[in-house]
PDB file of N, CA and C in Angstrom:
ATOM      1  N   MET A   1     153.051  13.013 104.454  1.00  0.00           N
ATOM      2  CA  MET A   1     152.056  14.069 104.666  1.00  0.00           C
ATOM      3  C   MET A   1     152.774  15.375 105.011  1.00  0.00           C
ATOM      4  N   ILE A   2     152.342  16.436 104.416  1.00  0.00           N
ATOM      5  CA  ILE A   2     152.919  17.753 104.646  1.00  0.00           C
ATOM      6  C   ILE A   2     152.252  18.405 105.853  1.00  0.00           C
ATOM      7  N   THR A   3     153.065  18.921 106.768  1.00  0.00           N
ATOM      8  CA  THR A   3     152.512  19.678 107.882  1.00  0.00           C
ATOM      9  C   THR A   3     151.999  20.997 107.333  1.00  0.00           C
ATOM     10  N   LYS A   4     150.727  21.266 107.562  1.00  0.00           N
ATOM     11  CA  LYS A   4     150.122  22.473 106.988  1.00  0.00           C
ATOM     12  C   LYS A   4     150.406  23.692 107.850  1.00  0.00           C
ATOM     13  N   ARG A   5     151.226  24.577 107.296  1.00  0.00           N
ATOM     14  CA  ARG A   5     151.476  25.868 107.914  1.00  0.00           C
ATOM     15  C   ARG A   5     151.066  26.901 106.885  1.00  0.00           C
ATOM     16  N   TYR A   6     150.042  27.637 107.164  1.00  0.00           N
ATOM     17  CA  TYR A   6     149.520  28.611 106.205  1.00  0.00           C
ATOM     18  C   TYR A   6     150.344  29.893 106.253  1.00  0.00           C
ATOM     19  N   THR A   7     151.593  29.769 105.804  1.00  0.00           N
ATOM     20  CA  THR A   7     152.484  30.913 105.744  1.00  0.00           C
ATOM     21  C   THR A   7     152.980  31.045 104.311  1.00  0.00           C
ATOM     22  N   LEU A   8     153.618  32.138 104.020  1.00  0.00           N
ATOM     23  CA  LEU A   8     154.224  32.329 102.704  1.00  0.00           C
ATOM     24  C   LEU A   8     155.666  32.759 102.953  1.00  0.00           C
ATOM     25  N   SER A   9     156.561  31.783 102.938  1.00  0.00           N
ATOM     26  CA  SER A   9     157.949  32.053 103.304  1.00  0.00           C
ATOM     27  C   SER A   9     158.741  32.583 102.116  1.00  0.00           C
ATOM     28  N   LYS A  10     159.932  33.045 102.383  1.00  0.00           N
ATOM     29  CA  LYS A  10     160.837  33.552 101.355  1.00  0.00           C
ATOM     30  C   LYS A  10     161.174  32.446 100.357  1.00  0.00           C
ATOM     31  N   LYS A  11     161.271  31.206 100.808  1.00  0.00           N
ATOM     32  CA  LYS A  11     161.586  30.077  99.934  1.00  0.00           C
ATOM     33  C   LYS A  11     160.519  29.878  98.857  1.00  0.00           C
ATOM     34  N   GLU A  12     159.278  30.213  99.176  1.00  0.00           N
ATOM     35  CA  GLU A  12     158.174  29.998  98.248  1.00  0.00           C
ATOM     36  C   GLU A  12     158.042  31.121  97.218  1.00  0.00           C
ATOM     37  N   ARG A  13     158.770  32.207  97.417  1.00  0.00           N
ATOM     38  CA  ARG A  13     158.694  33.334  96.478  1.00  0.00           C
ATOM     39  C   ARG A  13     159.769  33.188  95.421  1.00  0.00           C
ATOM     40  N   LEU A  14     159.405  33.497  94.216  1.00  0.00           N
ATOM     41  CA  LEU A  14     160.313  33.381  93.090  1.00  0.00           C
ATOM     42  C   LEU A  14     161.110  34.677  92.984  1.00  0.00           C
ATOM     43  N   SER A  15     162.431  34.574  93.197  1.00  0.00           N
ATOM     44  CA  SER A  15     163.225  35.794  93.161  1.00  0.00           C
ATOM     45  C   SER A  15     164.492  35.658  92.319  1.00  0.00           C
ATOM     46  N   TRP A  16     164.828  34.449  91.925  1.00  0.00           N
ATOM     47  CA  TRP A  16     166.043  34.237  91.159  1.00  0.00           C
ATOM     48  C   TRP A  16     165.802  34.577  89.701  1.00  0.00           C
ATOM     49  N   LYS A  17     166.570  35.512  89.151  1.00  0.00           N
ATOM     50  CA  LYS A  17     166.354  36.019  87.799  1.00  0.00           C
ATOM     51  C   LYS A  17     166.360  34.912  86.750  1.00  0.00           C
ATOM     52  N   ARG A  18     167.219  33.923  86.923  1.00  0.00           N
ATOM     53  CA  ARG A  18     167.285  32.824  85.952  1.00  0.00           C
ATOM     54  C   ARG A  18     165.940  32.100  85.847  1.00  0.00           C
ATOM     55  N   TYR A  19     165.308  31.827  86.985  1.00  0.00           N
ATOM     56  CA  TYR A  19     164.009  31.152  86.982  1.00  0.00           C
ATOM     57  C   TYR A  19     162.914  32.055  86.426  1.00  0.00           C
ATOM     58  N   ILE A  20     162.965  33.326  86.745  1.00  0.00           N
ATOM     59  CA  ILE A  20     161.951  34.259  86.244  1.00  0.00           C
ATOM     60  C   ILE A  20     162.042  34.368  84.730  1.00  0.00           C
ATOM     61  N   ASP A  21     163.259  34.513  84.197  1.00  0.00           N
ATOM     62  CA  ASP A  21     163.438  34.580  82.742  1.00  0.00           C
ATOM     63  C   ASP A  21     162.975  33.297  82.067  1.00  0.00           C
ATOM     64  N   LEU A  22     163.291  32.150  82.665  1.00  0.00           N
ATOM     65  CA  LEU A  22     162.876  30.862  82.120  1.00  0.00           C
ATOM     66  C   LEU A  22     161.357  30.731  82.122  1.00  0.00           C
ATOM     67  N   LEU A  23     160.729  31.176  83.196  1.00  0.00           N
ATOM     68  CA  LEU A  23     159.274  31.114  83.312  1.00  0.00           C
ATOM     69  C   LEU A  23     158.597  31.925  82.216  1.00  0.00           C
ATOM     70  N   PHE A  24     159.057  33.160  82.005  1.00  0.00           N
ATOM     71  CA  PHE A  24     158.421  34.006  81.001  1.00  0.00           C
ATOM     72  C   PHE A  24     158.789  33.594  79.580  1.00  0.00           C
ATOM     73  N   ALA A  25     159.924  32.941  79.389  1.00  0.00           N
ATOM     74  CA  ALA A  25     160.338  32.515  78.048  1.00  0.00           C
ATOM     75  C   ALA A  25     159.634  31.222  77.625  1.00  0.00           C
ATOM     76  N   LYS A  26     159.522  30.250  78.540  1.00  0.00           N
ATOM     77  CA  LYS A  26     159.026  28.930  78.155  1.00  0.00           C
ATOM     78  C   LYS A  26     157.716  28.531  78.815  1.00  0.00           C
ATOM     79  N   GLY A  27     157.180  29.382  79.679  1.00  0.00           N
ATOM     80  CA  GLY A  27     155.985  29.020  80.422  1.00  0.00           C
ATOM     81  C   GLY A  27     154.721  29.082  79.585  1.00  0.00           C
ATOM     82  N   GLN A  28     153.707  28.359  80.043  1.00  0.00           N
ATOM     83  CA  GLN A  28     152.373  28.392  79.443  1.00  0.00           C
ATOM     84  C   GLN A  28     151.515  29.323  80.285  1.00  0.00           C
ATOM     85  N   SER A  29     150.437  29.838  79.671  1.00  0.00           N
ATOM     86  CA  SER A  29     149.598  30.751  80.444  1.00  0.00           C
ATOM     87  C   SER A  29     148.128  30.504  80.182  1.00  0.00           C
ATOM     88  N   PHE A  30     147.316  30.966  81.128  1.00  0.00           N
ATOM     89  CA  PHE A  30     145.859  30.973  81.001  1.00  0.00           C
ATOM     90  C   PHE A  30     145.334  32.116  81.851  1.00  0.00           C
ATOM     91  N   VAL A  31     144.073  32.442  81.669  1.00  0.00           N
ATOM     92  CA  VAL A  31     143.468  33.556  82.399  1.00  0.00           C
ATOM     93  C   VAL A  31     142.392  33.034  83.340  1.00  0.00           C
ATOM     94  N   ALA A  32     142.461  33.460  84.594  1.00  0.00           N
ATOM     95  CA  ALA A  32     141.397  33.278  85.579  1.00  0.00           C
ATOM     96  C   ALA A  32     141.097  34.698  86.041  1.00  0.00           C
ATOM     97  N   PHE A  33     140.255  35.393  85.316  1.00  0.00           N
ATOM     98  CA  PHE A  33     140.057  36.826  85.462  1.00  0.00           C
ATOM     99  C   PHE A  33     139.829  37.219  86.910  1.00  0.00           C
ATOM    100  N   PRO A  34     140.492  38.225  87.423  1.00  0.00           N
ATOM    101  CA  PRO A  34     141.386  39.224  86.854  1.00  0.00           C
ATOM    102  C   PRO A  34     142.870  38.841  86.897  1.00  0.00           C
ATOM    103  N   LEU A  35     143.175  37.545  86.939  1.00  0.00           N
ATOM    104  CA  LEU A  35     144.576  37.106  86.991  1.00  0.00           C
ATOM    105  C   LEU A  35     144.970  36.387  85.703  1.00  0.00           C
ATOM    106  N   ARG A  36     146.164  36.661  85.207  1.00  0.00           N
ATOM    107  CA  ARG A  36     146.777  35.821  84.179  1.00  0.00           C
ATOM    108  C   ARG A  36     147.812  34.991  84.912  1.00  0.00           C
ATOM    109  N   VAL A  37     147.766  33.687  84.679  1.00  0.00           N
ATOM    110  CA  VAL A  37     148.666  32.775  85.362  1.00  0.00           C
ATOM    111  C   VAL A  37     149.643  32.209  84.340  1.00  0.00           C
ATOM    112  N   ILE A  38     150.920  32.380  84.593  1.00  0.00           N
ATOM    113  CA  ILE A  38     151.974  31.808  83.752  1.00  0.00           C
ATOM    114  C   ILE A  38     152.678  30.769  84.607  1.00  0.00           C
ATOM    115  N   PHE A  39     152.824  29.555  84.067  1.00  0.00           N
ATOM    116  CA  PHE A  39     153.416  28.488  84.854  1.00  0.00           C
ATOM    117  C   PHE A  39     154.384  27.670  84.025  1.00  0.00           C
ATOM    118  N   LEU A  40     155.318  27.051  84.712  1.00  0.00           N
ATOM    119  CA  LEU A  40     156.295  26.178  84.080  1.00  0.00           C
ATOM    120  C   LEU A  40     156.586  25.037  85.046  1.00  0.00           C
ATOM    121  N   SER A  41     156.274  23.824  84.611  1.00  0.00           N
ATOM    122  CA  SER A  41     156.537  22.638  85.419  1.00  0.00           C
ATOM    123  C   SER A  41     157.984  22.222  85.213  1.00  0.00           C
ATOM    124  N   THR A  42     158.640  21.822  86.291  1.00  0.00           N
ATOM    125  CA  THR A  42     160.041  21.432  86.199  1.00  0.00           C
ATOM    126  C   THR A  42     160.317  20.242  87.121  1.00  0.00           C
ATOM    127  N   ASP A  43     161.248  19.404  86.698  1.00  0.00           N
ATOM    128  CA  ASP A  43     161.679  18.292  87.550  1.00  0.00           C
ATOM    129  C   ASP A  43     162.876  18.694  88.395  1.00  0.00           C
ATOM    130  N   GLU A  44     163.461  19.852  88.087  1.00  0.00           N
ATOM    131  CA  GLU A  44     164.606  20.361  88.834  1.00  0.00           C
ATOM    132  C   GLU A  44     164.172  20.695  90.257  1.00  0.00           C
ATOM    133  N   PRO A  45     164.873  20.182  91.265  1.00  0.00           N
ATOM    134  CA  PRO A  45     164.440  20.434  92.644  1.00  0.00           C
ATOM    135  C   PRO A  45     164.597  21.910  93.034  1.00  0.00           C
ATOM    136  N   LEU A  46     163.543  22.456  93.584  1.00  0.00           N
ATOM    137  CA  LEU A  46     163.541  23.825  94.100  1.00  0.00           C
ATOM    138  C   LEU A  46     163.437  23.748  95.617  1.00  0.00           C
ATOM    139  N   GLU A  47     163.561  24.880  96.270  1.00  0.00           N
ATOM    140  CA  GLU A  47     163.447  24.895  97.729  1.00  0.00           C
ATOM    141  C   GLU A  47     162.031  24.586  98.197  1.00  0.00           C
ATOM    142  N   ALA A  48     161.032  24.927  97.361  1.00  0.00           N
ATOM    143  CA  ALA A  48     159.636  24.681  97.688  1.00  0.00           C
ATOM    144  C   ALA A  48     158.976  24.027  96.470  1.00  0.00           C
ATOM    145  N   PRO A  49     157.885  23.283  96.663  1.00  0.00           N
ATOM    146  CA  PRO A  49     157.216  22.653  95.518  1.00  0.00           C
ATOM    147  C   PRO A  49     156.702  23.669  94.487  1.00  0.00           C
ATOM    148  N   ALA A  50     156.327  24.849  94.952  1.00  0.00           N
ATOM    149  CA  ALA A  50     155.835  25.883  94.046  1.00  0.00           C
ATOM    150  C   ALA A  50     156.513  27.207  94.386  1.00  0.00           C
ATOM    151  N   GLY A  51     157.126  27.817  93.383  1.00  0.00           N
ATOM    152  CA  GLY A  51     157.711  29.146  93.550  1.00  0.00           C
ATOM    153  C   GLY A  51     156.796  30.143  92.868  1.00  0.00           C
ATOM    154  N   ILE A  52     156.367  31.179  93.580  1.00  0.00           N
ATOM    155  CA  ILE A  52     155.397  32.115  93.003  1.00  0.00           C
ATOM    156  C   ILE A  52     155.969  33.519  92.858  1.00  0.00           C
ATOM    157  N   LEU A  53     155.383  34.246  91.928  1.00  0.00           N
ATOM    158  CA  LEU A  53     155.727  35.633  91.659  1.00  0.00           C
ATOM    159  C   LEU A  53     154.404  36.368  91.465  1.00  0.00           C
ATOM    160  N   ILE A  54     154.271  37.535  92.045  1.00  0.00           N
ATOM    161  CA  ILE A  54     153.043  38.326  91.908  1.00  0.00           C
ATOM    162  C   ILE A  54     153.406  39.675  91.314  1.00  0.00           C
ATOM    163  N   SER A  55     152.671  40.077  90.276  1.00  0.00           N
ATOM    164  CA  SER A  55     152.960  41.341  89.614  1.00  0.00           C
ATOM    165  C   SER A  55     151.677  42.099  89.312  1.00  0.00           C
ATOM    166  N   VAL A  56     151.688  43.376  89.644  1.00  0.00           N
ATOM    167  CA  VAL A  56     150.591  44.281  89.292  1.00  0.00           C
ATOM    168  C   VAL A  56     151.221  45.416  88.495  1.00  0.00           C
ATOM    169  N   PRO A  57     150.941  45.488  87.192  1.00  0.00           N
ATOM    170  CA  PRO A  57     151.636  46.473  86.358  1.00  0.00           C
ATOM    171  C   PRO A  57     151.280  47.922  86.672  1.00  0.00           C
ATOM    172  N   LYS A  58     152.298  48.746  86.671  1.00  0.00           N
ATOM    173  CA  LYS A  58     152.140  50.181  86.902  1.00  0.00           C
ATOM    174  C   LYS A  58     151.322  50.814  85.776  1.00  0.00           C
ATOM    175  N   LYS A  59     151.388  50.225  84.595  1.00  0.00           N
ATOM    176  CA  LYS A  59     150.656  50.740  83.445  1.00  0.00           C
ATOM    177  C   LYS A  59     149.141  50.682  83.676  1.00  0.00           C
ATOM    178  N   ARG A  60     148.679  49.647  84.396  1.00  0.00           N
ATOM    179  CA  ARG A  60     147.239  49.480  84.634  1.00  0.00           C
ATOM    180  C   ARG A  60     146.768  50.162  85.918  1.00  0.00           C
ATOM    181  N   ILE A  61     147.528  50.014  86.994  1.00  0.00           N
ATOM    182  CA  ILE A  61     147.175  50.611  88.290  1.00  0.00           C
ATOM    183  C   ILE A  61     148.277  51.616  88.629  1.00  0.00           C
ATOM    184  N   LYS A  62     147.952  52.895  88.540  1.00  0.00           N
ATOM    185  CA  LYS A  62     148.975  53.944  88.667  1.00  0.00           C
ATOM    186  C   LYS A  62     149.492  54.137  90.087  1.00  0.00           C
ATOM    187  N   ARG A  63     148.605  54.091  91.062  1.00  0.00           N
ATOM    188  CA  ARG A  63     148.988  54.407  92.435  1.00  0.00           C
ATOM    189  C   ARG A  63     149.630  53.218  93.128  1.00  0.00           C
ATOM    190  N   ALA A  64     150.786  53.435  93.737  1.00  0.00           N
ATOM    191  CA  ALA A  64     151.519  52.362  94.418  1.00  0.00           C
ATOM    192  C   ALA A  64     150.702  51.770  95.570  1.00  0.00           C
ATOM    193  N   VAL A  65     149.948  52.604  96.255  1.00  0.00           N
ATOM    194  CA  VAL A  65     149.129  52.138  97.376  1.00  0.00           C
ATOM    195  C   VAL A  65     148.114  51.111  96.889  1.00  0.00           C
ATOM    196  N   LYS A  66     147.503  51.379  95.756  1.00  0.00           N
ATOM    197  CA  LYS A  66     146.507  50.455  95.195  1.00  0.00           C
ATOM    198  C   LYS A  66     147.174  49.189  94.674  1.00  0.00           C
ATOM    199  N   ARG A  67     148.350  49.315  94.041  1.00  0.00           N
ATOM    200  CA  ARG A  67     149.084  48.133  93.568  1.00  0.00           C
ATOM    201  C   ARG A  67     149.454  47.235  94.744  1.00  0.00           C
ATOM    202  N   ASN A  68     149.894  47.845  95.827  1.00  0.00           N
ATOM    203  CA  ASN A  68     150.262  47.074  97.013  1.00  0.00           C
ATOM    204  C   ASN A  68     149.054  46.382  97.628  1.00  0.00           C
ATOM    205  N   LEU A  69     147.899  47.042  97.619  1.00  0.00           N
ATOM    206  CA  LEU A  69     146.668  46.439  98.115  1.00  0.00           C
ATOM    207  C   LEU A  69     146.330  45.178  97.310  1.00  0.00           C
ATOM    208  N   ILE A  70     146.415  45.286  96.001  1.00  0.00           N
ATOM    209  CA  ILE A  70     146.103  44.144  95.136  1.00  0.00           C
ATOM    210  C   ILE A  70     147.100  43.007  95.373  1.00  0.00           C
ATOM    211  N   LYS A  71     148.386  43.338  95.504  1.00  0.00           N
ATOM    212  CA  LYS A  71     149.393  42.310  95.762  1.00  0.00           C
ATOM    213  C   LYS A  71     149.149  41.619  97.100  1.00  0.00           C
ATOM    214  N   ARG A  72     148.739  42.376  98.107  1.00  0.00           N
ATOM    215  CA  ARG A  72     148.416  41.779  99.413  1.00  0.00           C
ATOM    216  C   ARG A  72     147.241  40.817  99.293  1.00  0.00           C
ATOM    217  N   GLN A  73     146.208  41.228  98.519  1.00  0.00           N
ATOM    218  CA  GLN A  73     145.044  40.359  98.336  1.00  0.00           C
ATOM    219  C   GLN A  73     145.437  39.053  97.640  1.00  0.00           C
ATOM    220  N   ILE A  74     146.247  39.157  96.598  1.00  0.00           N
ATOM    221  CA  ILE A  74     146.671  37.960  95.855  1.00  0.00           C
ATOM    222  C   ILE A  74     147.526  37.053  96.743  1.00  0.00           C
ATOM    223  N   ARG A  75     148.461  37.638  97.491  1.00  0.00           N
ATOM    224  CA  ARG A  75     149.300  36.848  98.404  1.00  0.00           C
ATOM    225  C   ARG A  75     148.452  36.127  99.444  1.00  0.00           C
ATOM    226  N   GLU A  76     147.479  36.828  99.998  1.00  0.00           N
ATOM    227  CA  GLU A  76     146.628  36.245 101.030  1.00  0.00           C
ATOM    228  C   GLU A  76     145.795  35.095 100.479  1.00  0.00           C
ATOM    229  N   THR A  77     145.213  35.263  99.306  1.00  0.00           N
ATOM    230  CA  THR A  77     144.404  34.179  98.732  1.00  0.00           C
ATOM    231  C   THR A  77     145.275  32.981  98.380  1.00  0.00           C
ATOM    232  N   TYR A  78     146.479  33.225  97.877  1.00  0.00           N
ATOM    233  CA  TYR A  78     147.382  32.105  97.589  1.00  0.00           C
ATOM    234  C   TYR A  78     147.770  31.396  98.879  1.00  0.00           C
ATOM    235  N   ARG A  79     148.090  32.174  99.894  1.00  0.00           N
ATOM    236  CA  ARG A  79     148.508  31.599 101.176  1.00  0.00           C
ATOM    237  C   ARG A  79     147.437  30.660 101.738  1.00  0.00           C
ATOM    238  N   LEU A  80     146.173  31.048 101.605  1.00  0.00           N
ATOM    239  CA  LEU A  80     145.074  30.236 102.121  1.00  0.00           C
ATOM    240  C   LEU A  80     144.792  29.009 101.258  1.00  0.00           C
ATOM    241  N   ARG A  81     145.101  29.059  99.973  1.00  0.00           N
ATOM    242  CA  ARG A  81     144.766  27.988  99.037  1.00  0.00           C
ATOM    243  C   ARG A  81     145.971  27.179  98.556  1.00  0.00           C
ATOM    244  N   LYS A  82     147.156  27.480  99.046  1.00  0.00           N
ATOM    245  CA  LYS A  82     148.366  26.898  98.466  1.00  0.00           C
ATOM    246  C   LYS A  82     148.437  25.381  98.601  1.00  0.00           C
ATOM    247  N   TYR A  83     147.847  24.796  99.622  1.00  0.00           N
ATOM    248  CA  TYR A  83     147.931  23.344  99.780  1.00  0.00           C
ATOM    249  C   TYR A  83     147.095  22.600  98.743  1.00  0.00           C
ATOM    250  N   ASP A  84     146.125  23.270  98.130  1.00  0.00           N
ATOM    251  CA  ASP A  84     145.387  22.658  97.013  1.00  0.00           C
ATOM    252  C   ASP A  84     146.316  22.458  95.818  1.00  0.00           C
ATOM    253  N   LEU A  85     147.383  23.233  95.741  1.00  0.00           N
ATOM    254  CA  LEU A  85     148.379  23.104  94.675  1.00  0.00           C
ATOM    255  C   LEU A  85     149.570  22.258  95.116  1.00  0.00           C
ATOM    256  N   ILE A  86     150.048  22.453  96.331  1.00  0.00           N
ATOM    257  CA  ILE A  86     151.273  21.810  96.787  1.00  0.00           C
ATOM    258  C   ILE A  86     151.110  20.307  97.019  1.00  0.00           C
ATOM    259  N   GLU A  87     149.977  19.880  97.578  1.00  0.00           N
ATOM    260  CA  GLU A  87     149.801  18.454  97.874  1.00  0.00           C
ATOM    261  C   GLU A  87     149.818  17.583  96.619  1.00  0.00           C
ATOM    262  N   PRO A  88     149.079  17.933  95.527  1.00  0.00           N
ATOM    263  CA  PRO A  88     149.199  17.121  94.302  1.00  0.00           C
ATOM    264  C   PRO A  88     150.607  17.151  93.700  1.00  0.00           C
ATOM    265  N   LEU A  89     151.303  18.290  93.810  1.00  0.00           N
ATOM    266  CA  LEU A  89     152.678  18.371  93.315  1.00  0.00           C
ATOM    267  C   LEU A  89     153.602  17.441  94.096  1.00  0.00           C
ATOM    268  N   ALA A  90     153.411  17.369  95.393  1.00  0.00           N
ATOM    269  CA  ALA A  90     154.249  16.498  96.220  1.00  0.00           C
ATOM    270  C   ALA A  90     154.022  15.032  95.864  1.00  0.00           C
ATOM    271  N   LEU A  91     152.782  14.663  95.570  1.00  0.00           N
ATOM    272  CA  LEU A  91     152.489  13.285  95.179  1.00  0.00           C
ATOM    273  C   LEU A  91     153.148  12.939  93.845  1.00  0.00           C
ATOM    274  N   LYS A  92     153.155  13.883  92.912  1.00  0.00           N
ATOM    275  CA  LYS A  92     153.757  13.664  91.591  1.00  0.00           C
ATOM    276  C   LYS A  92     155.267  13.892  91.604  1.00  0.00           C
ATOM    277  N   GLN A  93     155.796  14.395  92.716  1.00  0.00           N
ATOM    278  CA  GLN A  93     157.202  14.783  92.850  1.00  0.00           C
ATOM    279  C   GLN A  93     157.606  15.767  91.756  1.00  0.00           C
ATOM    280  N   LYS A  94     156.778  16.772  91.572  1.00  0.00           N
ATOM    281  CA  LYS A  94     157.021  17.830  90.588  1.00  0.00           C
ATOM    282  C   LYS A  94     157.247  19.139  91.327  1.00  0.00           C
ATOM    283  N   HIS A  95     157.831  20.085  90.593  1.00  0.00           N
ATOM    284  CA  HIS A  95     157.992  21.453  91.079  1.00  0.00           C
ATOM    285  C   HIS A  95     157.451  22.363  89.998  1.00  0.00           C
ATOM    286  N   VAL A  96     156.929  23.503  90.403  1.00  0.00           N
ATOM    287  CA  VAL A  96     156.341  24.420  89.431  1.00  0.00           C
ATOM    288  C   VAL A  96     156.721  25.854  89.769  1.00  0.00           C
ATOM    289  N   LEU A  97     156.940  26.637  88.724  1.00  0.00           N
ATOM    290  CA  LEU A  97     157.150  28.073  88.859  1.00  0.00           C
ATOM    291  C   LEU A  97     155.862  28.731  88.389  1.00  0.00           C
ATOM    292  N   VAL A  98     155.338  29.668  89.151  1.00  0.00           N
ATOM    293  CA  VAL A  98     154.056  30.293  88.823  1.00  0.00           C
ATOM    294  C   VAL A  98     154.163  31.800  88.981  1.00  0.00           C
ATOM    295  N   ALA A  99     153.627  32.529  87.985  1.00  0.00           N
ATOM    296  CA  ALA A  99     153.523  33.990  88.073  1.00  0.00           C
ATOM    297  C   ALA A  99     152.048  34.359  88.011  1.00  0.00           C
ATOM    298  N   PHE A 100     151.601  35.160  88.953  1.00  0.00           N
ATOM    299  CA  PHE A 100     150.243  35.690  88.946  1.00  0.00           C
ATOM    300  C   PHE A 100     150.327  37.149  88.526  1.00  0.00           C
ATOM    301  N   LEU A 101     149.756  37.479  87.368  1.00  0.00           N
ATOM    302  CA  LEU A 101     149.779  38.842  86.865  1.00  0.00           C
ATOM    303  C   LEU A 101     148.367  39.402  86.908  1.00  0.00           C
ATOM    304  N   TYR A 102     148.216  40.583  87.451  1.00  0.00           N
ATOM    305  CA  TYR A 102     146.909  41.236  87.532  1.00  0.00           C
ATOM    306  C   TYR A 102     146.655  41.936  86.199  1.00  0.00           C
ATOM    307  N   ILE A 103     145.499  41.675  85.575  1.00  0.00           N
ATOM    308  CA  ILE A 103     145.286  42.190  84.222  1.00  0.00           C
ATOM    309  C   ILE A 103     144.131  43.178  84.089  1.00  0.00           C
ATOM    310  N   ASP A 104     143.519  43.590  85.176  1.00  0.00           N
ATOM    311  CA  ASP A 104     142.402  44.520  85.075  1.00  0.00           C
ATOM    312  C   ASP A 104     142.847  45.934  85.487  1.00  0.00           C
ATOM    313  N   ASN A 105     142.018  46.919  85.145  1.00  0.00           N
ATOM    314  CA  ASN A 105     142.329  48.316  85.459  1.00  0.00           C
ATOM    315  C   ASN A 105     141.702  48.798  86.763  1.00  0.00           C
ATOM    316  N   VAL A 106     140.827  48.000  87.341  1.00  0.00           N
ATOM    317  CA  VAL A 106     140.137  48.400  88.571  1.00  0.00           C
ATOM    318  C   VAL A 106     140.462  47.408  89.680  1.00  0.00           C
ATOM    319  N   ILE A 107     140.259  47.845  90.915  1.00  0.00           N
ATOM    320  CA  ILE A 107     140.493  46.987  92.073  1.00  0.00           C
ATOM    321  C   ILE A 107     139.231  46.168  92.319  1.00  0.00           C
ATOM    322  N   HIS A 108     139.407  44.855  92.426  1.00  0.00           N
ATOM    323  CA  HIS A 108     138.284  43.961  92.708  1.00  0.00           C
ATOM    324  C   HIS A 108     138.238  43.646  94.191  1.00  0.00           C
ATOM    325  N   PRO A 109     137.037  43.339  94.716  1.00  0.00           N
ATOM    326  CA  PRO A 109     136.958  42.950  96.130  1.00  0.00           C
ATOM    327  C   PRO A 109     137.679  41.621  96.374  1.00  0.00           C
ATOM    328  N   PHE A 110     137.998  41.376  97.630  1.00  0.00           N
ATOM    329  CA  PHE A 110     138.746  40.183  98.022  1.00  0.00           C
ATOM    330  C   PHE A 110     138.057  38.903  97.551  1.00  0.00           C
ATOM    331  N   GLU A 111     136.733  38.863  97.594  1.00  0.00           N
ATOM    332  CA  GLU A 111     135.983  37.665  97.201  1.00  0.00           C
ATOM    333  C   GLU A 111     136.232  37.313  95.736  1.00  0.00           C
ATOM    334  N   ASP A 112     136.314  38.322  94.871  1.00  0.00           N
ATOM    335  CA  ASP A 112     136.572  38.079  93.443  1.00  0.00           C
ATOM    336  C   ASP A 112     137.982  37.524  93.230  1.00  0.00           C
ATOM    337  N   ILE A 113     138.947  38.072  93.957  1.00  0.00           N
ATOM    338  CA  ILE A 113     140.331  37.593  93.861  1.00  0.00           C
ATOM    339  C   ILE A 113     140.388  36.153  94.366  1.00  0.00           C
ATOM    340  N   GLU A 114     139.643  35.875  95.435  1.00  0.00           N
ATOM    341  CA  GLU A 114     139.626  34.532  96.013  1.00  0.00           C
ATOM    342  C   GLU A 114     139.049  33.511  95.027  1.00  0.00           C
ATOM    343  N   LYS A 115     137.960  33.877  94.346  1.00  0.00           N
ATOM    344  CA  LYS A 115     137.370  32.989  93.333  1.00  0.00           C
ATOM    345  C   LYS A 115     138.336  32.766  92.181  1.00  0.00           C
ATOM    346  N   ALA A 116     139.011  33.814  91.750  1.00  0.00           N
ATOM    347  CA  ALA A 116     139.982  33.701  90.657  1.00  0.00           C
ATOM    348  C   ALA A 116     141.140  32.798  91.062  1.00  0.00           C
ATOM    349  N   MET A 117     141.624  32.927  92.281  1.00  0.00           N
ATOM    350  CA  MET A 117     142.734  32.103  92.757  1.00  0.00           C
ATOM    351  C   MET A 117     142.322  30.636  92.850  1.00  0.00           C
ATOM    352  N   THR A 118     141.114  30.370  93.338  1.00  0.00           N
ATOM    353  CA  THR A 118     140.619  28.996  93.419  1.00  0.00           C
ATOM    354  C   THR A 118     140.552  28.383  92.026  1.00  0.00           C
ATOM    355  N   LYS A 119     140.031  29.145  91.072  1.00  0.00           N
ATOM    356  CA  LYS A 119     139.952  28.673  89.688  1.00  0.00           C
ATOM    357  C   LYS A 119     141.348  28.458  89.109  1.00  0.00           C
ATOM    358  N   ALA A 120     142.264  29.383  89.377  1.00  0.00           N
ATOM    359  CA  ALA A 120     143.630  29.294  88.860  1.00  0.00           C
ATOM    360  C   ALA A 120     144.333  28.046  89.387  1.00  0.00           C
ATOM    361  N   ILE A 121     144.189  27.755  90.666  1.00  0.00           N
ATOM    362  CA  ILE A 121     144.847  26.592  91.248  1.00  0.00           C
ATOM    363  C   ILE A 121     144.225  25.303  90.706  1.00  0.00           C
ATOM    364  N   ARG A 122     142.914  25.298  90.522  1.00  0.00           N
ATOM    365  CA  ARG A 122     142.253  24.119  89.937  1.00  0.00           C
ATOM    366  C   ARG A 122     142.769  23.868  88.525  1.00  0.00           C
ATOM    367  N   LEU A 123     142.857  24.926  87.715  1.00  0.00           N
ATOM    368  CA  LEU A 123     143.355  24.787  86.347  1.00  0.00           C
ATOM    369  C   LEU A 123     144.838  24.391  86.325  1.00  0.00           C
ATOM    370  N   LEU A 124     145.619  24.927  87.242  1.00  0.00           N
ATOM    371  CA  LEU A 124     147.034  24.541  87.338  1.00  0.00           C
ATOM    372  C   LEU A 124     147.170  23.042  87.599  1.00  0.00           C
ATOM    373  N   ASN A 125     146.370  22.523  88.526  1.00  0.00           N
ATOM    374  CA  ASN A 125     146.429  21.099  88.823  1.00  0.00           C
ATOM    375  C   ASN A 125     146.066  20.255  87.609  1.00  0.00           C
ATOM    376  N   GLU A 126     145.113  20.732  86.807  1.00  0.00           N
ATOM    377  CA  GLU A 126     144.715  19.987  85.608  1.00  0.00           C
ATOM    378  C   GLU A 126     145.818  20.028  84.548  1.00  0.00           C
ATOM    379  N   LYS A 127     146.496  21.161  84.418  1.00  0.00           N
ATOM    380  CA  LYS A 127     147.455  21.352  83.336  1.00  0.00           C
ATOM    381  C   LYS A 127     148.844  20.787  83.621  1.00  0.00           C
ATOM    382  N   ILE A 128     149.202  20.648  84.887  1.00  0.00           N
ATOM    383  CA  ILE A 128     150.530  20.125  85.224  1.00  0.00           C
ATOM    384  C   ILE A 128     150.502  18.611  85.088  1.00  0.00           C
ATOM    385  N   LYS A 129     151.377  18.113  84.261  1.00  0.00           N
ATOM    386  CA  LYS A 129     151.423  16.673  83.966  1.00  0.00           C
ATOM    387  C   LYS A 129     152.339  15.959  84.933  1.00  0.00           C
TER     388      LYS A 129
END
């Protein structure tokens, strides 16, 4: 059983360029509006069961303050829902790399991001073999 600590540590963030390139080159994707989720399941042991990356493109949201707000919302919703993803991965002894990309031009309220994240994690669990 995993001790539930609702934190988002450095280990859980995807920062190694090799993994990021691999994720975008070979990963599968789906949309849980306003998020596009790109994921890659791996048997290679990582520091955490799920490594995540969050991106809000400058092309869609021009102001850095607004991009940072959206990234905070996505991080917070993932932090609250991460055990819905991590517990099934631990049972299967799998690891996954996940990128959450924001694909809309407007800022959505926290509730919409939360619904999208719940849907994204549910779909991730279905798609990871």
